[in-house]
Protein backbone atom coordinates (compact mmCIF):
# COMPACT_ATOMS: atom_id res chain seq x y z
CA UNK A 1 -12.60 -18.97 -31.62
CA UNK A 2 -9.65 -21.29 -32.02
CA UNK A 3 -7.06 -21.45 -29.29
CA UNK A 4 -5.18 -24.70 -29.89
CA UNK A 5 -1.79 -23.24 -29.13
CA UNK A 6 -2.66 -21.92 -25.68
CA UNK A 7 -0.66 -23.80 -23.05
CA UNK A 8 -2.43 -25.45 -20.17
CA UNK A 9 -1.95 -23.89 -16.71
CA UNK A 10 1.26 -24.85 -14.95
CA UNK A 11 0.66 -27.66 -12.41
CA UNK A 12 2.11 -25.53 -9.60
CA UNK A 13 -0.14 -22.54 -10.31
CA UNK A 14 -3.18 -23.83 -8.43
CA UNK A 15 -1.06 -24.84 -5.44
CA UNK A 16 0.59 -21.42 -5.26
CA UNK A 17 -2.77 -19.66 -5.57
CA UNK A 18 -4.19 -21.78 -2.76
CA UNK A 19 -1.20 -20.97 -0.53
CA UNK A 20 -1.31 -17.26 -1.39
CA UNK A 21 -4.98 -16.70 -0.63
CA UNK A 22 -5.09 -19.03 2.37
CA UNK A 23 -2.12 -17.16 3.86
CA UNK A 24 -3.74 -13.83 2.96
CA UNK A 25 -6.91 -14.86 4.77
CA UNK A 26 -4.89 -15.81 7.87
CA UNK A 27 -3.00 -12.52 7.64
CA UNK A 28 -6.19 -10.45 7.46
CA UNK A 29 -7.81 -12.39 10.28
CA UNK A 30 -4.77 -11.96 12.51
CA UNK A 31 -4.66 -8.25 11.59
CA UNK A 32 -8.20 -7.79 12.84
CA UNK A 33 -7.54 -9.77 16.01
CA UNK A 34 -4.32 -7.91 16.88
CA UNK A 35 -6.02 -4.57 16.22
CA UNK A 36 -8.81 -5.50 18.63
CA UNK A 37 -6.20 -6.42 21.27
CA UNK A 38 -4.14 -3.24 20.89
CA UNK A 39 -5.15 -1.84 24.27
CA UNK A 40 -2.99 -1.44 27.38
CA UNK A 41 -5.16 -3.78 29.44
CA UNK A 42 -4.70 -6.63 26.98
CA UNK A 43 -1.65 -8.82 27.38
CA UNK A 44 -0.62 -10.91 24.36
CA UNK A 45 2.07 -13.56 24.30
CA UNK A 46 4.56 -12.42 21.62
CA UNK A 47 4.73 -16.03 20.38
CA UNK A 48 1.31 -15.43 18.77
CA UNK A 49 3.06 -13.01 16.40
CA UNK A 50 4.58 -16.03 14.65
CA UNK A 51 1.18 -16.62 13.03
CA UNK A 52 1.15 -13.43 10.91
CA UNK A 53 4.91 -13.82 10.44
CA UNK A 54 4.55 -17.21 8.77
CA UNK A 55 1.41 -16.13 6.89
CA UNK A 56 3.03 -13.02 5.43
CA UNK A 57 6.11 -15.03 4.46
CA UNK A 58 3.88 -17.53 2.63
CA UNK A 59 2.17 -14.67 0.78
CA UNK A 60 5.54 -13.35 -0.38
CA UNK A 61 6.92 -16.74 -1.45
CA UNK A 62 3.77 -17.74 -3.34
CA UNK A 63 3.58 -14.32 -5.01
CA UNK A 64 7.17 -14.60 -6.24
CA UNK A 65 6.46 -18.12 -7.45
CA UNK A 66 3.38 -17.01 -9.39
CA UNK A 67 5.32 -14.09 -10.81
CA UNK A 68 7.93 -16.55 -12.08
CA UNK A 69 5.29 -18.72 -13.75
CA UNK A 70 3.61 -15.73 -15.39
CA UNK A 71 6.69 -13.76 -16.43
CA UNK A 72 9.30 -16.42 -17.19
CA UNK A 73 7.79 -19.85 -17.72
CA UNK A 74 4.90 -18.55 -19.87
CA UNK A 75 7.05 -16.13 -21.89
CA UNK A 76 7.86 -16.80 -25.52
CA UNK A 77 11.42 -17.73 -26.48
CA UNK A 78 12.03 -14.23 -27.87
CA UNK A 79 11.01 -12.59 -24.56
CA UNK A 80 12.54 -15.14 -22.17
CA UNK A 81 15.72 -13.16 -21.47
CA UNK A 82 13.94 -9.82 -20.96
CA UNK A 83 11.30 -11.34 -18.68
CA UNK A 84 13.92 -13.26 -16.72
CA UNK A 85 15.98 -10.13 -16.09
CA UNK A 86 12.93 -8.13 -14.99
CA UNK A 87 11.82 -10.99 -12.72
CA UNK A 88 15.25 -11.37 -11.09
CA UNK A 89 15.59 -7.63 -10.43
CA UNK A 90 12.09 -7.33 -8.97
CA UNK A 91 12.42 -10.53 -6.92
CA UNK A 92 15.79 -9.42 -5.50
CA UNK A 93 14.31 -6.04 -4.61
CA UNK A 94 11.28 -7.53 -2.87
CA UNK A 95 13.28 -10.16 -0.99
CA UNK A 96 15.95 -7.62 -0.05
CA UNK A 97 13.39 -5.19 1.37
CA UNK A 98 11.68 -8.06 3.19
CA UNK A 99 14.91 -9.30 4.77
CA UNK A 100 15.92 -5.77 5.70
CA UNK A 101 12.59 -5.19 7.43
CA UNK A 102 12.82 -8.44 9.38
CA UNK A 103 16.44 -7.86 10.40
CA UNK A 104 15.80 -4.24 11.38
CA UNK A 105 12.74 -5.11 13.46
CA UNK A 106 14.44 -8.10 15.08
CA UNK A 107 17.60 -6.22 16.08
CA UNK A 108 15.61 -3.25 17.35
CA UNK A 109 13.24 -5.28 19.49
CA UNK A 110 16.08 -7.30 21.02
CA UNK A 111 16.82 -4.15 23.03
CA UNK A 112 13.32 -3.83 24.44
CA UNK A 113 12.32 -5.07 27.89
CA UNK A 114 8.62 -5.00 27.06
CA UNK A 115 8.18 -6.13 23.47
CA UNK A 116 4.41 -5.99 23.40
CA UNK A 117 4.43 -2.55 25.01
CA UNK A 118 6.27 -1.33 21.90
CA UNK A 119 3.77 -2.94 19.53
CA UNK A 120 0.92 -1.35 21.49
CA UNK A 121 2.65 2.03 21.20
CA UNK A 122 2.95 1.66 17.41
CA UNK A 123 -0.60 0.51 16.81
CA UNK A 124 -2.12 3.22 19.01
CA UNK A 125 0.03 6.14 17.88
CA UNK A 126 0.33 5.60 14.16
CA UNK A 127 -2.51 4.42 11.92
CA UNK A 128 -0.26 2.08 9.89
CA UNK A 129 1.52 0.58 12.91
CA UNK A 130 -0.63 -2.55 13.03
CA UNK A 131 -0.13 -3.13 9.31
CA UNK A 132 3.65 -2.87 9.55
CA UNK A 133 3.72 -5.15 12.57
CA UNK A 134 1.95 -7.76 10.44
CA UNK A 135 4.09 -7.33 7.33
CA UNK A 136 7.20 -8.62 9.05
CA UNK A 137 6.38 -9.47 12.68
CA UNK A 138 9.42 -11.70 13.19
CA UNK A 139 9.17 -11.11 16.90
CA UNK A 140 9.92 -13.30 19.91
CA UNK A 141 10.12 -12.63 23.61
CA UNK A 142 12.74 -9.88 23.92
CA UNK A 143 15.81 -10.61 26.03
CA UNK A 144 17.53 -8.21 28.33
CA UNK A 145 20.11 -6.54 26.11
CA UNK A 146 22.15 -4.93 28.87
CA UNK A 147 22.74 -5.63 32.57
CA UNK A 148 21.08 -3.41 35.10
CA UNK A 149 24.37 -1.73 36.00
CA UNK A 150 24.91 -0.64 32.43
CA UNK A 151 21.38 0.81 32.31
CA UNK A 152 22.06 2.88 35.40
CA UNK A 153 25.11 4.44 33.78
CA UNK A 154 23.07 5.92 30.96
CA UNK A 155 21.57 9.39 31.09
CA UNK A 156 18.62 10.95 29.20
CA UNK A 157 21.11 12.98 27.17
CA UNK A 158 22.85 9.80 26.00
CA UNK A 159 19.49 8.29 25.07
CA UNK A 160 18.66 11.35 22.98
CA UNK A 161 21.81 10.77 20.92
CA UNK A 162 20.57 7.37 19.68
CA UNK A 163 19.33 7.79 16.11
CA UNK A 164 17.22 4.64 15.70
CA UNK A 165 13.73 5.17 17.15
CA UNK A 166 13.09 1.78 18.79
CA UNK A 167 16.53 1.74 20.43
CA UNK A 168 16.03 5.31 21.67
CA UNK A 169 12.69 4.39 23.26
CA UNK A 170 14.28 1.30 24.83
CA UNK A 171 16.98 3.50 26.34
CA UNK A 172 14.42 5.81 27.94
CA UNK A 173 12.40 2.82 29.19
CA UNK A 174 15.53 1.41 30.84
CA UNK A 175 15.87 4.64 32.87
CA UNK A 176 12.19 4.99 33.71
CA UNK A 177 10.31 1.75 34.13
CA UNK A 178 7.00 2.46 32.28
CA UNK A 179 4.99 -0.20 34.07
CA UNK A 180 6.04 0.97 37.52
CA UNK A 181 5.50 4.62 36.61
CA UNK A 182 1.93 3.95 35.41
CA UNK A 183 1.10 1.94 38.53
CA UNK A 184 2.33 4.73 40.81
CA UNK A 185 0.74 7.61 38.87
CA UNK A 186 -2.79 8.88 39.37
CA UNK A 187 -5.41 8.73 36.62
CA UNK A 188 -5.12 12.50 36.16
CA UNK A 189 -1.36 12.24 35.61
CA UNK A 190 -1.78 9.45 33.07
CA UNK A 191 -4.43 11.44 31.21
CA UNK A 192 -2.25 14.56 31.13
CA UNK A 193 0.68 12.55 29.78
CA UNK A 194 -1.49 10.99 27.07
CA UNK A 195 -2.79 14.42 26.01
CA UNK A 196 0.73 15.82 25.88
CA UNK A 197 1.94 12.91 23.74
CA UNK A 198 -0.78 13.59 21.17
CA UNK A 199 1.10 16.67 20.04
CA UNK A 200 3.93 14.37 18.90
CA UNK A 201 1.95 11.40 17.59
CA UNK A 202 -1.75 12.22 17.11
CA UNK A 203 -4.14 9.47 18.11
CA UNK A 204 -7.50 8.58 16.58
CA UNK A 205 -9.53 11.08 18.63
CA UNK A 206 -7.12 13.93 17.96
CA UNK A 207 -7.15 13.22 14.23
CA UNK A 208 -10.93 13.05 14.27
CA UNK A 209 -11.19 16.39 16.06
CA UNK A 210 -8.72 17.95 13.64
CA UNK A 211 -10.73 16.80 10.63
CA UNK A 212 -13.97 17.70 12.34
CA UNK A 213 -17.50 16.72 11.45
CA UNK A 214 -19.48 18.27 8.59
CA UNK A 215 -21.94 20.03 10.89
CA UNK A 216 -19.38 21.64 13.20
CA UNK A 217 -19.09 25.41 13.36
CA UNK A 218 -15.33 25.30 12.98
CA UNK A 219 -14.20 26.40 9.50
CA UNK A 220 -12.57 23.86 7.20
CA UNK A 221 -9.68 26.11 6.27
CA UNK A 222 -6.43 24.17 6.44
CA UNK A 223 -8.08 20.88 7.45
CA UNK A 224 -6.60 18.83 4.59
CA UNK A 225 -3.24 20.60 4.90
CA UNK A 226 -3.07 19.55 8.55
CA UNK A 227 -4.07 16.00 7.65
CA UNK A 228 -1.34 15.75 5.02
CA UNK A 229 1.27 17.22 7.39
CA UNK A 230 0.38 14.76 10.14
CA UNK A 231 0.35 11.89 7.65
CA UNK A 232 3.89 12.73 6.51
CA UNK A 233 5.13 13.10 10.10
CA UNK A 234 3.55 9.80 11.12
CA UNK A 235 5.04 8.20 8.01
CA UNK A 236 8.51 9.40 8.96
CA UNK A 237 8.11 8.36 12.60
CA UNK A 238 6.77 4.97 11.62
CA UNK A 239 9.74 4.20 9.41
CA UNK A 240 12.11 5.54 12.08
CA UNK A 241 10.67 3.03 14.56
CA UNK A 242 10.18 -0.01 12.35
CA UNK A 243 12.37 0.53 9.26
CA UNK A 244 10.11 -1.16 6.72
CA UNK A 245 7.21 -0.91 4.32
CA UNK A 246 5.09 2.26 4.32
CA UNK A 247 1.60 2.45 2.84
CA UNK A 248 1.42 4.05 -0.59
CA UNK A 249 -1.74 4.02 -2.70
CA UNK A 250 -5.02 2.64 -1.33
CA UNK A 251 -4.96 -1.05 -0.45
CA UNK A 252 -8.31 -2.81 -0.66
CA UNK A 253 -10.02 -6.15 -1.29
CA UNK A 254 -13.37 -6.35 -3.07
CA UNK A 255 -14.61 -9.97 -2.92
CA UNK A 256 -17.50 -9.12 -5.24
CA UNK A 257 -17.61 -6.80 -8.25
CA UNK A 258 -19.90 -6.73 -11.26
CA UNK A 259 -18.86 -5.50 -14.72
CA UNK A 260 -21.28 -4.73 -17.50
CA UNK A 261 -19.43 -6.06 -20.58
CA UNK A 262 -16.40 -8.31 -19.99
CA UNK A 263 -13.77 -7.99 -22.71
CA UNK A 264 -13.89 -11.51 -24.08
CA UNK A 265 -11.65 -10.64 -27.05
CA UNK A 266 -8.76 -8.28 -26.12
CA UNK A 267 -7.22 -6.48 -29.10
CA UNK A 268 -3.70 -5.14 -29.68
CA UNK A 269 -2.68 -3.02 -32.71
CA UNK A 270 0.39 -5.23 -33.28
CA UNK A 271 -0.78 -8.61 -31.99
CA UNK A 272 -4.37 -8.47 -33.17
CA UNK A 273 -7.33 -10.08 -31.42
CA UNK A 274 -7.01 -12.91 -28.97
CA UNK A 275 -9.31 -14.65 -26.54
CA UNK A 276 -9.52 -16.59 -23.33
CA UNK A 277 -9.80 -20.35 -23.10
CA UNK A 278 -12.78 -19.89 -20.80
CA UNK A 279 -15.93 -17.80 -20.78
CA UNK A 280 -15.67 -14.61 -18.72
CA UNK A 281 -18.29 -14.02 -16.06
CA UNK A 282 -19.63 -10.61 -15.08
CA UNK A 283 -18.83 -11.20 -11.40
CA UNK A 284 -15.24 -11.31 -10.23
CA UNK A 285 -13.05 -10.25 -7.28
CA UNK A 286 -10.67 -7.31 -7.46
CA UNK A 287 -7.92 -6.30 -5.07
CA UNK A 288 -5.04 -3.85 -4.91
CA UNK A 289 -1.96 -3.83 -2.69
CA UNK A 290 0.48 -0.93 -2.59
CA UNK A 291 3.52 -0.03 -0.51
CA UNK A 292 6.68 2.04 -0.69
CA UNK A 293 10.12 1.98 0.92
CA UNK A 294 12.41 5.00 1.43
CA UNK A 295 15.85 4.83 -0.15
CA UNK A 296 19.06 6.75 0.66
CA UNK A 297 17.67 7.80 4.03
CA UNK A 298 19.82 10.38 5.77
CA UNK A 299 21.48 11.60 2.57
CA UNK A 300 18.73 14.02 1.47
CA UNK A 301 17.26 16.99 3.32
CA UNK A 302 14.40 16.48 5.73
CA UNK A 303 11.68 17.40 3.20
CA UNK A 304 12.98 15.27 0.32
CA UNK A 305 12.72 11.49 0.09
CA UNK A 306 13.63 8.96 -2.59
CA UNK A 307 11.11 6.10 -2.67
CA UNK A 308 10.72 2.69 -4.25
CA UNK A 309 7.01 2.03 -4.73
CA UNK A 310 5.10 -1.05 -5.79
CA UNK A 311 1.42 -1.47 -6.67
CA UNK A 312 -0.35 -4.63 -7.79
CA UNK A 313 -3.92 -4.83 -9.01
CA UNK A 314 -5.55 -8.21 -9.74
CA UNK A 315 -8.84 -9.34 -11.28
CA UNK A 316 -9.92 -12.82 -10.24
CA UNK A 317 -12.73 -14.84 -11.82
CA UNK A 318 -13.26 -16.47 -8.45
CA UNK A 319 -16.91 -17.39 -9.16
CA UNK A 320 -16.04 -19.20 -12.38
CA UNK A 321 -15.97 -22.62 -10.75
CA UNK A 322 -16.29 -24.50 -14.04
CA UNK A 323 -12.83 -23.25 -15.11
CA UNK A 324 -11.03 -23.49 -11.74
CA UNK A 325 -11.50 -19.80 -10.84
CA UNK A 326 -8.69 -18.37 -13.00
CA UNK A 327 -6.97 -15.03 -12.56
CA UNK A 328 -8.05 -12.98 -15.57
CA UNK A 329 -5.48 -10.19 -15.26
CA UNK A 330 -2.81 -8.89 -12.88
CA UNK A 331 -0.97 -5.59 -13.34
CA UNK A 332 2.44 -5.04 -11.74
CA UNK A 333 3.65 -1.48 -11.22
CA UNK A 334 7.10 -0.90 -9.68
CA UNK A 335 8.45 2.66 -9.65
CA UNK A 336 11.15 4.89 -8.23
CA UNK A 337 10.30 8.50 -7.45
CA UNK A 338 11.61 11.54 -5.60
CA UNK A 339 9.15 13.41 -3.37
CA UNK A 340 9.63 16.91 -1.98
CA UNK A 341 7.32 18.29 0.70
CA UNK A 342 6.81 21.97 -0.20
CA UNK A 343 3.86 23.14 1.94
CA UNK A 344 3.69 26.44 0.05
CA UNK A 345 0.77 28.73 0.84
CA UNK A 346 -0.67 29.98 -2.45
CA UNK A 347 -3.60 31.88 -1.00
CA UNK A 348 -6.80 29.84 -1.03
CA UNK A 349 -4.83 26.66 -1.81
CA UNK A 350 -1.54 25.19 -0.62
CA UNK A 351 0.99 23.25 -2.69
CA UNK A 352 1.64 20.30 -0.41
CA UNK A 353 4.28 18.42 -2.39
CA UNK A 354 5.71 17.44 -5.77
CA UNK A 355 7.15 14.18 -7.11
CA UNK A 356 9.18 13.04 -10.10
CA UNK A 357 9.97 9.45 -11.02
CA UNK A 358 10.08 6.53 -13.44
CA UNK A 359 7.19 4.07 -13.61
CA UNK A 360 6.91 0.62 -15.23
CA UNK A 361 3.59 -1.16 -15.62
CA UNK A 362 2.97 -4.54 -17.21
CA UNK A 363 0.63 -7.49 -16.97
CA UNK A 364 3.35 -10.15 -17.11
CA UNK A 365 1.60 -12.04 -19.90
CA UNK A 366 3.21 -13.64 -22.94
CA UNK A 367 2.08 -12.76 -26.45
CA UNK A 368 -0.58 -12.20 -27.67
CA UNK A 369 -1.94 -10.86 -24.34
CA UNK A 370 1.22 -9.02 -23.34
CA UNK A 371 0.77 -5.33 -22.40
CA UNK A 372 3.31 -2.92 -20.88
CA UNK A 373 4.60 0.63 -20.91
CA UNK A 374 7.22 2.82 -19.20
CA UNK A 375 6.64 6.41 -18.16
CA UNK A 376 8.36 9.41 -16.63
CA UNK A 377 5.79 10.62 -14.11
CA UNK A 378 5.43 13.77 -12.05
CA UNK A 379 2.78 14.98 -9.65
CA UNK A 380 1.72 18.07 -7.74
CA UNK A 381 -0.60 17.88 -4.71
CA UNK A 382 -2.77 20.85 -3.70
CA UNK A 383 -4.94 21.18 -0.59
CA UNK A 384 -7.96 23.39 0.03
CA UNK A 385 -10.25 23.00 3.02
CA UNK A 386 -11.10 19.30 3.20
CA UNK A 387 -10.00 18.75 -0.41
CA UNK A 388 -6.85 17.20 -1.85
CA UNK A 389 -6.15 17.64 -5.58
CA UNK A 390 -3.34 15.67 -7.22
CA UNK A 391 -2.37 16.31 -10.84
CA UNK A 392 -0.19 13.48 -12.17
CA UNK A 393 1.08 14.07 -15.73
CA UNK A 394 3.30 11.57 -17.50
CA UNK A 395 5.48 11.18 -20.58
CA UNK A 396 5.58 7.76 -22.17
CA UNK A 397 9.08 6.49 -22.88
CA UNK A 398 9.10 5.32 -26.53
CA UNK A 399 9.05 1.54 -26.85
CA UNK A 400 10.67 -0.69 -29.44
CA UNK A 401 9.04 -1.73 -32.69
CA UNK A 402 7.38 -4.57 -30.76
CA UNK A 403 5.06 -2.22 -28.86
CA UNK A 404 2.06 -4.23 -27.67
CA UNK A 405 -0.10 -1.16 -26.99
CA UNK A 406 1.18 1.66 -29.17
CA UNK A 407 -2.13 3.56 -29.05
CA UNK A 408 -2.61 3.47 -25.27
CA UNK A 409 -2.28 7.26 -24.93
CA UNK A 410 -5.19 7.79 -27.31
CA UNK A 411 -7.35 6.09 -24.67
CA UNK A 412 -5.77 7.11 -21.36
CA UNK A 413 -4.30 10.50 -22.27
CA UNK A 414 -1.27 11.95 -20.56
CA UNK A 415 -2.28 12.43 -16.92
CA UNK A 416 -4.30 11.27 -13.92
CA UNK A 417 -6.42 13.80 -12.02
CA UNK A 418 -7.13 12.67 -8.45
CA UNK A 419 -9.56 14.36 -6.07
CA UNK A 420 -9.90 13.31 -2.41
CA UNK A 421 -12.47 14.73 0.01
CA UNK A 422 -12.20 13.98 3.72
CA UNK A 423 -15.79 13.94 4.94
CA UNK A 424 -14.61 12.82 8.39
CA UNK A 425 -11.57 11.08 9.85
CA UNK A 426 -12.94 7.68 8.85
CA UNK A 427 -14.97 8.64 5.75
CA UNK A 428 -13.31 9.51 2.46
CA UNK A 429 -14.54 10.23 -1.06
CA UNK A 430 -12.11 9.85 -3.96
CA UNK A 431 -12.33 10.45 -7.69
CA UNK A 432 -9.77 9.67 -10.39
CA UNK A 433 -10.22 11.10 -13.90
CA UNK A 434 -8.42 10.43 -17.17
CA UNK A 435 -9.08 12.07 -20.55
CA UNK A 436 -7.26 11.75 -23.85
CA UNK A 437 -7.90 15.45 -24.69
CA UNK A 438 -8.54 14.66 -28.35
CA UNK A 439 -11.38 15.19 -30.81
CA UNK A 440 -12.42 11.54 -30.34
CA UNK A 441 -12.83 12.30 -26.66
CA UNK A 442 -12.54 9.43 -24.21
CA UNK A 443 -13.07 9.98 -20.49
CA UNK A 444 -12.50 7.47 -17.70
CA UNK A 445 -13.48 7.83 -14.06
CA UNK A 446 -13.04 5.86 -10.84
CA UNK A 447 -15.15 6.84 -7.81
CA UNK A 448 -14.49 5.45 -4.35
CA UNK A 449 -16.06 5.85 -0.91
CA UNK A 450 -14.64 4.38 2.29
CA UNK A 451 -16.66 4.21 5.48
CA UNK A 452 -16.22 2.68 8.96
CA UNK A 453 -17.20 -0.89 9.79
CA UNK A 454 -16.51 -0.98 13.51
CA UNK A 455 -13.38 0.50 15.09
CA UNK A 456 -10.64 -1.10 12.98
CA UNK A 457 -12.05 -1.93 9.52
CA UNK A 458 -13.39 0.26 6.73
CA UNK A 459 -15.92 -0.71 4.11
CA UNK A 460 -15.25 0.33 0.54
CA UNK A 461 -17.45 1.00 -2.49
CA UNK A 462 -16.00 1.60 -5.96
CA UNK A 463 -17.45 2.50 -9.33
CA UNK A 464 -15.40 2.49 -12.54
CA UNK A 465 -16.47 3.63 -15.99
CA UNK A 466 -13.98 4.00 -18.82
CA UNK A 467 -10.74 2.65 -20.23
CA UNK A 468 -7.54 1.44 -18.62
CA UNK A 469 -8.85 -0.17 -15.45
CA UNK A 470 -6.45 -2.95 -16.42
CA UNK A 471 -3.80 -3.05 -19.13
CA UNK A 472 -5.49 -5.86 -21.05
CA UNK A 473 -8.61 -3.65 -21.28
CA UNK A 474 -6.86 -0.34 -22.00
CA UNK A 475 -8.84 0.08 -25.26
CA UNK A 476 -12.13 -1.44 -24.03
CA UNK A 477 -14.70 0.50 -22.00
CA UNK A 478 -15.53 -1.17 -18.69
CA UNK A 479 -18.29 -0.30 -16.23
CA UNK A 480 -17.87 -1.90 -12.81
CA UNK A 481 -19.43 -1.77 -9.35
CA UNK A 482 -17.56 -3.26 -6.41
CA UNK A 483 -17.90 -3.63 -2.65
CA UNK A 484 -15.30 -4.75 -0.13
CA UNK A 485 -13.01 -3.58 2.65
CA UNK A 486 -10.39 -0.83 2.66
CA UNK A 487 -7.16 -1.82 4.43
CA UNK A 488 -5.32 1.44 3.82
CA UNK A 489 -6.95 4.66 2.63
CA UNK A 490 -5.51 7.68 0.83
CA UNK A 491 -4.77 9.41 4.15
């Protein structure tokens, strides 16, 4: 194998990778610590929130820097302009959403008298609250936004007219001092208030009871429908309070995976065979991050939302110490889609929702390892008992004559078929299937199981067998076992 023309890694690449994963480690560690402290009896100095704030900012900056090196610097002269335009648009979108989230959270929390009380409320009432607090926790000690006389002039009716969730809660808190009220109330009164609030924002125990345990006598009818409904309500409430990123597809980190036959020589119909300038090892790390942000909020009806979504999946030869632990492949998947919550009862099943959108996926590589495609995607989600079924068909938008993967549909087909089974509130089975539906039949499957590791962290096992786990391997069968932690599950 002769690779004399392959450029050497950019000198900044290793520095950016070190910053990215060091900051990610700090972010995950602080996430676990803050989750363990999210109890009323714990008092945390808000200045500690600067740690995840700086860490998450470093993750974003290093990611954008690496994206520039992979998409622009490494691109061929013919693709420079296209890659630069895509990079600028995606970078502006990510930075804009980041700045919006910081500004929204900052301005909202400036009105609070008890900043950490609000964070405790979010982390205890919504499962993604702790994650959002860490994504942009640009928080300091909140100042008094209004004098006491102005607070006394307000009425509960005026507070109810405030649209923004955090400001509305601050208004109510200014009329009824929460700390004083809790100190003066009996334990029975506090317990009754907590139980009443669960009907608005279900807590962990209520969600667990709603899902039930496998051996309970209660029937499973409607269990998944209720889970999906509560998930959508919590999603809406969470954005109303914080105005930022919302979890999308599963987010996980698997420090160790093993694949049976690494694709040492990727092949493209147009570009031919190529290789790596290092020997692939069977063991590598794999991680996926995924989030979405609502767009045009307030302009559509209550059941319809326009979303910008982003998913990134990376494969890291972290145990290849002889070659400086290179990243083998990273897939970037931005998309815009419209989701409508139907909740139609169709007898034994319910149609929970439908989506329609445009999806772009690429690996950001220059030729000859460049892979990408654009699709119009739709989906329909059905619930039955503890089951969630999602059919996700797509139509590939025709590419130019320089299509790097013209035969990708002959391997991946025209749809994803996702099945999710909620064994318990903190245990989930998932299965994704793809099939090309041709005489030369090719089937791909991805099985996942998430399970509790303590009160705040989930373990995660994944098995993959088939094509398309990554774009570079879309036409090469991969079998992989992986073990790690699940940061955000399907539901």
